Amino acid sequence: MSTQLSELKVDKSVDARGTACPGPLLEAKRGMAAVPMGGILEVLSSDEGTNDDIPLWANKVGHEYLGSIAEAGHWRIFVKRNK
């Protein structure tokens, strides 16, 4: 799964490393505005809570949470814009 995620063409990447909740979620919301319909947003976050917050937000607003990849000291979280 992580191999498939790492090969995604990302339309917008948001670097929220070093910020605590709710920083990464707010950055994701702002970043999604620049993603075309059907496009992919990547959120880089060092806050472990983001792994719970982003999927919940995505499902709540109608986007599709695609998964995350653990990297050294941070996560890469992928969301597809559906609306």
PDB file of N, CA and C in Angstrom:
ATOM      1  N   MET A   1       0.827  -1.205   0.000  1.00  0.00           N
ATOM      2  CA  MET A   1       0.000   0.000   0.000  1.00  0.00           C
ATOM      3  C   MET A   1       0.861   1.255   0.000  1.00  0.00           C
ATOM      4  N   SER A   2       1.916   1.304   0.830  1.00  0.00           N
ATOM      5  CA  SER A   2       2.740   2.512   0.893  1.00  0.00           C
ATOM      6  C   SER A   2       3.475   2.750  -0.416  1.00  0.00           C
ATOM      7  N   THR A   3       3.808   1.668  -1.152  1.00  0.00           N
ATOM      8  CA  THR A   3       4.453   1.844  -2.451  1.00  0.00           C
ATOM      9  C   THR A   3       3.496   2.538  -3.402  1.00  0.00           C
ATOM     10  N   GLN A   4       2.238   2.123  -3.416  1.00  0.00           N
ATOM     11  CA  GLN A   4       1.246   2.754  -4.284  1.00  0.00           C
ATOM     12  C   GLN A   4       1.045   4.212  -3.890  1.00  0.00           C
ATOM     13  N   LEU A   5       0.986   4.506  -2.601  1.00  0.00           N
ATOM     14  CA  LEU A   5       0.801   5.886  -2.154  1.00  0.00           C
ATOM     15  C   LEU A   5       1.978   6.758  -2.561  1.00  0.00           C
ATOM     16  N   SER A   6       3.191   6.237  -2.421  1.00  0.00           N
ATOM     17  CA  SER A   6       4.368   7.041  -2.741  1.00  0.00           C
ATOM     18  C   SER A   6       4.469   7.338  -4.234  1.00  0.00           C
ATOM     19  N   GLU A   7       3.751   6.588  -5.052  1.00  0.00           N
ATOM     20  CA  GLU A   7       3.776   6.805  -6.496  1.00  0.00           C
ATOM     21  C   GLU A   7       2.646   7.717  -6.984  1.00  0.00           C
ATOM     22  N   LEU A   8       1.791   8.182  -6.078  1.00  0.00           N
ATOM     23  CA  LEU A   8       0.699   9.074  -6.463  1.00  0.00           C
ATOM     24  C   LEU A   8       1.232  10.395  -7.005  1.00  0.00           C
ATOM     25  N   LYS A   9       0.532  10.929  -7.997  1.00  0.00           N
ATOM     26  CA  LYS A   9       0.839  12.276  -8.485  1.00  0.00           C
ATOM     27  C   LYS A   9       0.093  13.246  -7.568  1.00  0.00           C
ATOM     28  N   VAL A  10       0.849  14.006  -6.817  1.00  0.00           N
ATOM     29  CA  VAL A  10       0.277  14.938  -5.848  1.00  0.00           C
ATOM     30  C   VAL A  10       0.069  16.294  -6.510  1.00  0.00           C
ATOM     31  N   ASP A  11      -1.116  16.865  -6.352  1.00  0.00           N
ATOM     32  CA  ASP A  11      -1.419  18.173  -6.926  1.00  0.00           C
ATOM     33  C   ASP A  11      -0.977  19.308  -6.014  1.00  0.00           C
ATOM     34  N   LYS A  12      -0.995  19.056  -4.706  1.00  0.00           N
ATOM     35  CA  LYS A  12      -0.599  20.079  -3.728  1.00  0.00           C
ATOM     36  C   LYS A  12      -0.031  19.369  -2.515  1.00  0.00           C
ATOM     37  N   SER A  13       1.117  19.859  -2.043  1.00  0.00           N
ATOM     38  CA  SER A  13       1.714  19.325  -0.830  1.00  0.00           C
ATOM     39  C   SER A  13       1.761  20.432   0.214  1.00  0.00           C
ATOM     40  N   VAL A  14       1.323  20.119   1.427  1.00  0.00           N
ATOM     41  CA  VAL A  14       1.304  21.076   2.528  1.00  0.00           C
ATOM     42  C   VAL A  14       2.261  20.572   3.600  1.00  0.00           C
ATOM     43  N   ASP A  15       3.229  21.383   3.958  1.00  0.00           N
ATOM     44  CA  ASP A  15       4.205  20.996   4.972  1.00  0.00           C
ATOM     45  C   ASP A  15       3.808  21.592   6.322  1.00  0.00           C
ATOM     46  N   ALA A  16       3.236  20.755   7.178  1.00  0.00           N
ATOM     47  CA  ALA A  16       2.802  21.201   8.505  1.00  0.00           C
ATOM     48  C   ALA A  16       3.669  20.574   9.594  1.00  0.00           C
ATOM     49  N   ARG A  17       4.861  20.099   9.222  1.00  0.00           N
ATOM     50  CA  ARG A  17       5.761  19.510  10.214  1.00  0.00           C
ATOM     51  C   ARG A  17       6.155  20.575  11.226  1.00  0.00           C
ATOM     52  N   GLY A  18       6.221  20.175  12.476  1.00  0.00           N
ATOM     53  CA  GLY A  18       6.600  21.093  13.533  1.00  0.00           C
ATOM     54  C   GLY A  18       5.438  21.855  14.152  1.00  0.00           C
ATOM     55  N   THR A  19       4.235  21.665  13.620  1.00  0.00           N
ATOM     56  CA  THR A  19       3.059  22.311  14.206  1.00  0.00           C
ATOM     57  C   THR A  19       2.221  21.260  14.923  1.00  0.00           C
ATOM     58  N   ALA A  20       1.586  21.676  15.996  1.00  0.00           N
ATOM     59  CA  ALA A  20       0.734  20.765  16.771  1.00  0.00           C
ATOM     60  C   ALA A  20      -0.722  20.972  16.386  1.00  0.00           C
ATOM     61  N   CYS A  21      -1.541  20.029  16.757  1.00  0.00           N
ATOM     62  CA  CYS A  21      -2.978  20.107  16.523  1.00  0.00           C
ATOM     63  C   CYS A  21      -3.517  21.440  17.061  1.00  0.00           C
ATOM     64  N   PRO A  22      -4.313  22.148  16.316  1.00  0.00           N
ATOM     65  CA  PRO A  22      -4.965  21.782  15.057  1.00  0.00           C
ATOM     66  C   PRO A  22      -4.234  22.283  13.808  1.00  0.00           C
ATOM     67  N   GLY A  23      -2.971  22.687  13.936  1.00  0.00           N
ATOM     68  CA  GLY A  23      -2.220  23.258  12.816  1.00  0.00           C
ATOM     69  C   GLY A  23      -2.246  22.447  11.529  1.00  0.00           C
ATOM     70  N   PRO A  24      -1.883  21.152  11.569  1.00  0.00           N
ATOM     71  CA  PRO A  24      -1.889  20.373  10.331  1.00  0.00           C
ATOM     72  C   PRO A  24      -3.269  20.289   9.675  1.00  0.00           C
ATOM     73  N   LEU A  25      -4.316  20.174  10.476  1.00  0.00           N
ATOM     74  CA  LEU A  25      -5.675  20.108   9.920  1.00  0.00           C
ATOM     75  C   LEU A  25      -6.044  21.430   9.261  1.00  0.00           C
ATOM     76  N   LEU A  26      -5.711  22.543   9.899  1.00  0.00           N
ATOM     77  CA  LEU A  26      -5.996  23.859   9.307  1.00  0.00           C
ATOM     78  C   LEU A  26      -5.226  24.040   8.006  1.00  0.00           C
ATOM     79  N   GLU A  27      -3.970  23.594   7.973  1.00  0.00           N
ATOM     80  CA  GLU A  27      -3.174  23.682   6.748  1.00  0.00           C
ATOM     81  C   GLU A  27      -3.785  22.811   5.649  1.00  0.00           C
ATOM     82  N   ALA A  28      -4.296  21.643   6.018  1.00  0.00           N
ATOM     83  CA  ALA A  28      -4.940  20.765   5.037  1.00  0.00           C
ATOM     84  C   ALA A  28      -6.183  21.422   4.446  1.00  0.00           C
ATOM     85  N   LYS A  29      -6.982  22.046   5.304  1.00  0.00           N
ATOM     86  CA  LYS A  29      -8.189  22.723   4.824  1.00  0.00           C
ATOM     87  C   LYS A  29      -7.837  23.841   3.860  1.00  0.00           C
ATOM     88  N   ARG A  30      -6.834  24.647   4.204  1.00  0.00           N
ATOM     89  CA  ARG A  30      -6.402  25.735   3.308  1.00  0.00           C
ATOM     90  C   ARG A  30      -5.821  25.190   2.011  1.00  0.00           C
ATOM     91  N   GLY A  31      -5.011  24.141   2.127  1.00  0.00           N
ATOM     92  CA  GLY A  31      -4.368  23.562   0.952  1.00  0.00           C
ATOM     93  C   GLY A  31      -5.346  22.934  -0.019  1.00  0.00           C
ATOM     94  N   MET A  32      -6.421  22.354   0.494  1.00  0.00           N
ATOM     95  CA  MET A  32      -7.394  21.683  -0.365  1.00  0.00           C
ATOM     96  C   MET A  32      -8.019  22.648  -1.367  1.00  0.00           C
ATOM     97  N   ALA A  33      -8.100  23.918  -1.027  1.00  0.00           N
ATOM     98  CA  ALA A  33      -8.680  24.909  -1.939  1.00  0.00           C
ATOM     99  C   ALA A  33      -7.879  25.019  -3.235  1.00  0.00           C
ATOM    100  N   ALA A  34      -6.596  24.656  -3.208  1.00  0.00           N
ATOM    101  CA  ALA A  34      -5.748  24.745  -4.394  1.00  0.00           C
ATOM    102  C   ALA A  34      -5.676  23.436  -5.176  1.00  0.00           C
ATOM    103  N   VAL A  35      -6.411  22.429  -4.725  1.00  0.00           N
ATOM    104  CA  VAL A  35      -6.394  21.120  -5.382  1.00  0.00           C
ATOM    105  C   VAL A  35      -7.589  21.020  -6.320  1.00  0.00           C
ATOM    106  N   PRO A  36      -7.353  20.634  -7.578  1.00  0.00           N
ATOM    107  CA  PRO A  36      -8.486  20.483  -8.497  1.00  0.00           C
ATOM    108  C   PRO A  36      -9.361  19.292  -8.107  1.00  0.00           C
ATOM    109  N   MET A  37     -10.596  19.299  -8.568  1.00  0.00           N
ATOM    110  CA  MET A  37     -11.515  18.194  -8.305  1.00  0.00           C
ATOM    111  C   MET A  37     -10.867  16.889  -8.778  1.00  0.00           C
ATOM    112  N   GLY A  38     -10.861  15.885  -7.922  1.00  0.00           N
ATOM    113  CA  GLY A  38     -10.241  14.610  -8.252  1.00  0.00           C
ATOM    114  C   GLY A  38      -8.748  14.584  -8.004  1.00  0.00           C
ATOM    115  N   GLY A  39      -8.182  15.716  -7.578  1.00  0.00           N
ATOM    116  CA  GLY A  39      -6.750  15.815  -7.326  1.00  0.00           C
ATOM    117  C   GLY A  39      -6.373  15.300  -5.950  1.00  0.00           C
ATOM    118  N   ILE A  40      -5.084  15.243  -5.711  1.00  0.00           N
ATOM    119  CA  ILE A  40      -4.551  14.676  -4.475  1.00  0.00           C
ATOM    120  C   ILE A  40      -3.819  15.744  -3.663  1.00  0.00           C
ATOM    121  N   LEU A  41      -4.167  15.806  -2.376  1.00  0.00           N
ATOM    122  CA  LEU A  41      -3.477  16.658  -1.407  1.00  0.00           C
ATOM    123  C   LEU A  41      -2.591  15.761  -0.553  1.00  0.00           C
ATOM    124  N   GLU A  42      -1.341  16.197  -0.377  1.00  0.00           N
ATOM    125  CA  GLU A  42      -0.425  15.507   0.530  1.00  0.00           C
ATOM    126  C   GLU A  42      -0.162  16.432   1.706  1.00  0.00           C
ATOM    127  N   VAL A  43      -0.307  15.908   2.917  1.00  0.00           N
ATOM    128  CA  VAL A  43      -0.034  16.671   4.128  1.00  0.00           C
ATOM    129  C   VAL A  43       1.158  16.028   4.825  1.00  0.00           C
ATOM    130  N   LEU A  44       2.194  16.824   5.063  1.00  0.00           N
ATOM    131  CA  LEU A  44       3.348  16.356   5.824  1.00  0.00           C
ATOM    132  C   LEU A  44       3.156  16.824   7.256  1.00  0.00           C
ATOM    133  N   SER A  45       3.190  15.901   8.203  1.00  0.00           N
ATOM    134  CA  SER A  45       2.930  16.264   9.596  1.00  0.00           C
ATOM    135  C   SER A  45       3.786  15.434  10.539  1.00  0.00           C
ATOM    136  N   SER A  46       4.294  16.089  11.571  1.00  0.00           N
ATOM    137  CA  SER A  46       5.034  15.390  12.620  1.00  0.00           C
ATOM    138  C   SER A  46       4.153  15.163  13.853  1.00  0.00           C
ATOM    139  N   ASP A  47       2.914  15.622  13.808  1.00  0.00           N
ATOM    140  CA  ASP A  47       1.974  15.459  14.916  1.00  0.00           C
ATOM    141  C   ASP A  47       1.184  14.165  14.713  1.00  0.00           C
ATOM    142  N   GLU A  48       1.366  13.215  15.614  1.00  0.00           N
ATOM    143  CA  GLU A  48       0.728  11.903  15.475  1.00  0.00           C
ATOM    144  C   GLU A  48      -0.792  11.979  15.401  1.00  0.00           C
ATOM    145  N   GLY A  49      -1.395  12.960  16.075  1.00  0.00           N
ATOM    146  CA  GLY A  49      -2.845  13.120  16.060  1.00  0.00           C
ATOM    147  C   GLY A  49      -3.414  13.405  14.687  1.00  0.00           C
ATOM    148  N   THR A  50      -2.572  13.894  13.794  1.00  0.00           N
ATOM    149  CA  THR A  50      -3.022  14.192  12.431  1.00  0.00           C
ATOM    150  C   THR A  50      -3.510  12.934  11.729  1.00  0.00           C
ATOM    151  N   ASN A  51      -2.954  11.779  12.091  1.00  0.00           N
ATOM    152  CA  ASN A  51      -3.368  10.514  11.480  1.00  0.00           C
ATOM    153  C   ASN A  51      -4.813  10.158  11.817  1.00  0.00           C
ATOM    154  N   ASP A  52      -5.332  10.736  12.892  1.00  0.00           N
ATOM    155  CA  ASP A  52      -6.750  10.559  13.229  1.00  0.00           C
ATOM    156  C   ASP A  52      -7.593  11.699  12.675  1.00  0.00           C
ATOM    157  N   ASP A  53      -7.060  12.921  12.786  1.00  0.00           N
ATOM    158  CA  ASP A  53      -7.821  14.121  12.409  1.00  0.00           C
ATOM    159  C   ASP A  53      -8.114  14.204  10.917  1.00  0.00           C
ATOM    160  N   ILE A  54      -7.113  13.949  10.086  1.00  0.00           N
ATOM    161  CA  ILE A  54      -7.294  14.107   8.633  1.00  0.00           C
ATOM    162  C   ILE A  54      -8.336  13.130   8.077  1.00  0.00           C
ATOM    163  N   PRO A  55      -8.287  11.825   8.408  1.00  0.00           N
ATOM    164  CA  PRO A  55      -9.334  10.926   7.886  1.00  0.00           C
ATOM    165  C   PRO A  55     -10.739  11.323   8.336  1.00  0.00           C
ATOM    166  N   LEU A  56     -10.880  11.731   9.602  1.00  0.00           N
ATOM    167  CA  LEU A  56     -12.199  12.150  10.093  1.00  0.00           C
ATOM    168  C   LEU A  56     -12.702  13.369   9.335  1.00  0.00           C
ATOM    169  N   TRP A  57     -11.833  14.359   9.145  1.00  0.00           N
ATOM    170  CA  TRP A  57     -12.206  15.572   8.407  1.00  0.00           C
ATOM    171  C   TRP A  57     -12.559  15.226   6.959  1.00  0.00           C
ATOM    172  N   ALA A  58     -11.721  14.419   6.315  1.00  0.00           N
ATOM    173  CA  ALA A  58     -11.963  14.064   4.910  1.00  0.00           C
ATOM    174  C   ALA A  58     -13.328  13.409   4.732  1.00  0.00           C
ATOM    175  N   ASN A  59     -13.621  12.441   5.580  1.00  0.00           N
ATOM    176  CA  ASN A  59     -14.911  11.753   5.481  1.00  0.00           C
ATOM    177  C   ASN A  59     -16.077  12.680   5.790  1.00  0.00           C
ATOM    178  N   LYS A  60     -15.891  13.568   6.746  1.00  0.00           N
ATOM    179  CA  LYS A  60     -16.964  14.492   7.137  1.00  0.00           C
ATOM    180  C   LYS A  60     -17.344  15.446   6.013  1.00  0.00           C
ATOM    181  N   VAL A  61     -16.341  15.935   5.261  1.00  0.00           N
ATOM    182  CA  VAL A  61     -16.620  16.932   4.224  1.00  0.00           C
ATOM    183  C   VAL A  61     -16.749  16.338   2.820  1.00  0.00           C
ATOM    184  N   GLY A  62     -16.598  15.012   2.702  1.00  0.00           N
ATOM    185  CA  GLY A  62     -16.844  14.373   1.408  1.00  0.00           C
ATOM    186  C   GLY A  62     -15.610  14.117   0.566  1.00  0.00           C
ATOM    187  N   HIS A  63     -14.417  14.213   1.145  1.00  0.00           N
ATOM    188  CA  HIS A  63     -13.197  13.853   0.420  1.00  0.00           C
ATOM    189  C   HIS A  63     -12.861  12.399   0.729  1.00  0.00           C
ATOM    190  N   GLU A  64     -11.861  11.868   0.058  1.00  0.00           N
ATOM    191  CA  GLU A  64     -11.483  10.470   0.261  1.00  0.00           C
ATOM    192  C   GLU A  64     -10.085  10.381   0.859  1.00  0.00           C
ATOM    193  N   TYR A  65      -9.998   9.851   2.068  1.00  0.00           N
ATOM    194  CA  TYR A  65      -8.713   9.602   2.708  1.00  0.00           C
ATOM    195  C   TYR A  65      -8.087   8.385   2.037  1.00  0.00           C
ATOM    196  N   LEU A  66      -6.884   8.546   1.512  1.00  0.00           N
ATOM    197  CA  LEU A  66      -6.242   7.467   0.770  1.00  0.00           C
ATOM    198  C   LEU A  66      -5.252   6.669   1.610  1.00  0.00           C
ATOM    199  N   GLY A  67      -4.730   7.264   2.672  1.00  0.00           N
ATOM    200  CA  GLY A  67      -3.782   6.546   3.521  1.00  0.00           C
ATOM    201  C   GLY A  67      -2.609   7.430   3.892  1.00  0.00           C
ATOM    202  N   SER A  68      -1.667   6.839   4.633  1.00  0.00           N
ATOM    203  CA  SER A  68      -0.492   7.589   5.055  1.00  0.00           C
ATOM    204  C   SER A  68       0.745   6.706   4.993  1.00  0.00           C
ATOM    205  N   ILE A  69       1.885   7.357   4.937  1.00  0.00           N
ATOM    206  CA  ILE A  69       3.185   6.689   4.928  1.00  0.00           C
ATOM    207  C   ILE A  69       3.998   7.270   6.076  1.00  0.00           C
ATOM    208  N   ALA A  70       4.544   6.406   6.917  1.00  0.00           N
ATOM    209  CA  ALA A  70       5.422   6.860   7.996  1.00  0.00           C
ATOM    210  C   ALA A  70       6.824   7.063   7.432  1.00  0.00           C
ATOM    211  N   GLU A  71       7.359   8.231   7.664  1.00  0.00           N
ATOM    212  CA  GLU A  71       8.723   8.552   7.250  1.00  0.00           C
ATOM    213  C   GLU A  71       9.522   8.831   8.524  1.00  0.00           C
ATOM    214  N   ALA A  72      10.776   9.147   8.401  1.00  0.00           N
ATOM    215  CA  ALA A  72      11.618   9.445   9.564  1.00  0.00           C
ATOM    216  C   ALA A  72      11.158  10.756  10.211  1.00  0.00           C
ATOM    217  N   GLY A  73      10.441  10.651  11.335  1.00  0.00           N
ATOM    218  CA  GLY A  73      10.031  11.828  12.083  1.00  0.00           C
ATOM    219  C   GLY A  73       8.755  12.508  11.627  1.00  0.00           C
ATOM    220  N   HIS A  74       8.106  11.993  10.605  1.00  0.00           N
ATOM    221  CA  HIS A  74       6.842  12.589  10.147  1.00  0.00           C
ATOM    222  C   HIS A  74       6.037  11.590   9.324  1.00  0.00           C
ATOM    223  N   TRP A  75       4.831  11.982   8.984  1.00  0.00           N
ATOM    224  CA  TRP A  75       3.949  11.176   8.140  1.00  0.00           C
ATOM    225  C   TRP A  75       3.606  11.946   6.885  1.00  0.00           C
ATOM    226  N   ARG A  76       3.368  11.203   5.803  1.00  0.00           N
ATOM    227  CA  ARG A  76       2.835  11.755   4.556  1.00  0.00           C
ATOM    228  C   ARG A  76       1.407  11.217   4.459  1.00  0.00           C
ATOM    229  N   ILE A  77       0.438  12.128   4.459  1.00  0.00           N
ATOM    230  CA  ILE A  77      -0.973  11.757   4.493  1.00  0.00           C
ATOM    231  C   ILE A  77      -1.618  12.222   3.183  1.00  0.00           C
ATOM    232  N   PHE A  78      -2.377  11.347   2.551  1.00  0.00           N
ATOM    233  CA  PHE A  78      -2.932  11.623   1.230  1.00  0.00           C
ATOM    234  C   PHE A  78      -4.458  11.660   1.248  1.00  0.00           C
ATOM    235  N   VAL A  79      -5.008  12.698   0.617  1.00  0.00           N
ATOM    236  CA  VAL A  79      -6.458  12.871   0.553  1.00  0.00           C
ATOM    237  C   VAL A  79      -6.828  13.264  -0.879  1.00  0.00           C
ATOM    238  N   LYS A  80      -7.855  12.622  -1.405  1.00  0.00           N
ATOM    239  CA  LYS A  80      -8.361  12.938  -2.752  1.00  0.00           C
ATOM    240  C   LYS A  80      -9.535  13.895  -2.614  1.00  0.00           C
ATOM    241  N   ARG A  81      -9.507  14.982  -3.388  1.00  0.00           N
ATOM    242  CA  ARG A  81     -10.609  15.943  -3.348  1.00  0.00           C
ATOM    243  C   ARG A  81     -11.790  15.434  -4.155  1.00  0.00           C
ATOM    244  N   ASN A  82     -12.924  15.326  -3.518  1.00  0.00           N
ATOM    245  CA  ASN A  82     -14.135  14.831  -4.186  1.00  0.00           C
ATOM    246  C   ASN A  82     -15.215  15.893  -4.361  1.00  0.00           C
ATOM    247  N   LYS A  83     -15.046  17.047  -3.758  1.00  0.00           N
ATOM    248  CA  LYS A  83     -16.078  18.086  -3.926  1.00  0.00           C
ATOM    249  C   LYS A  83     -15.477  19.462  -3.761  1.00  0.00           C
TER     250      LYS A  83
END
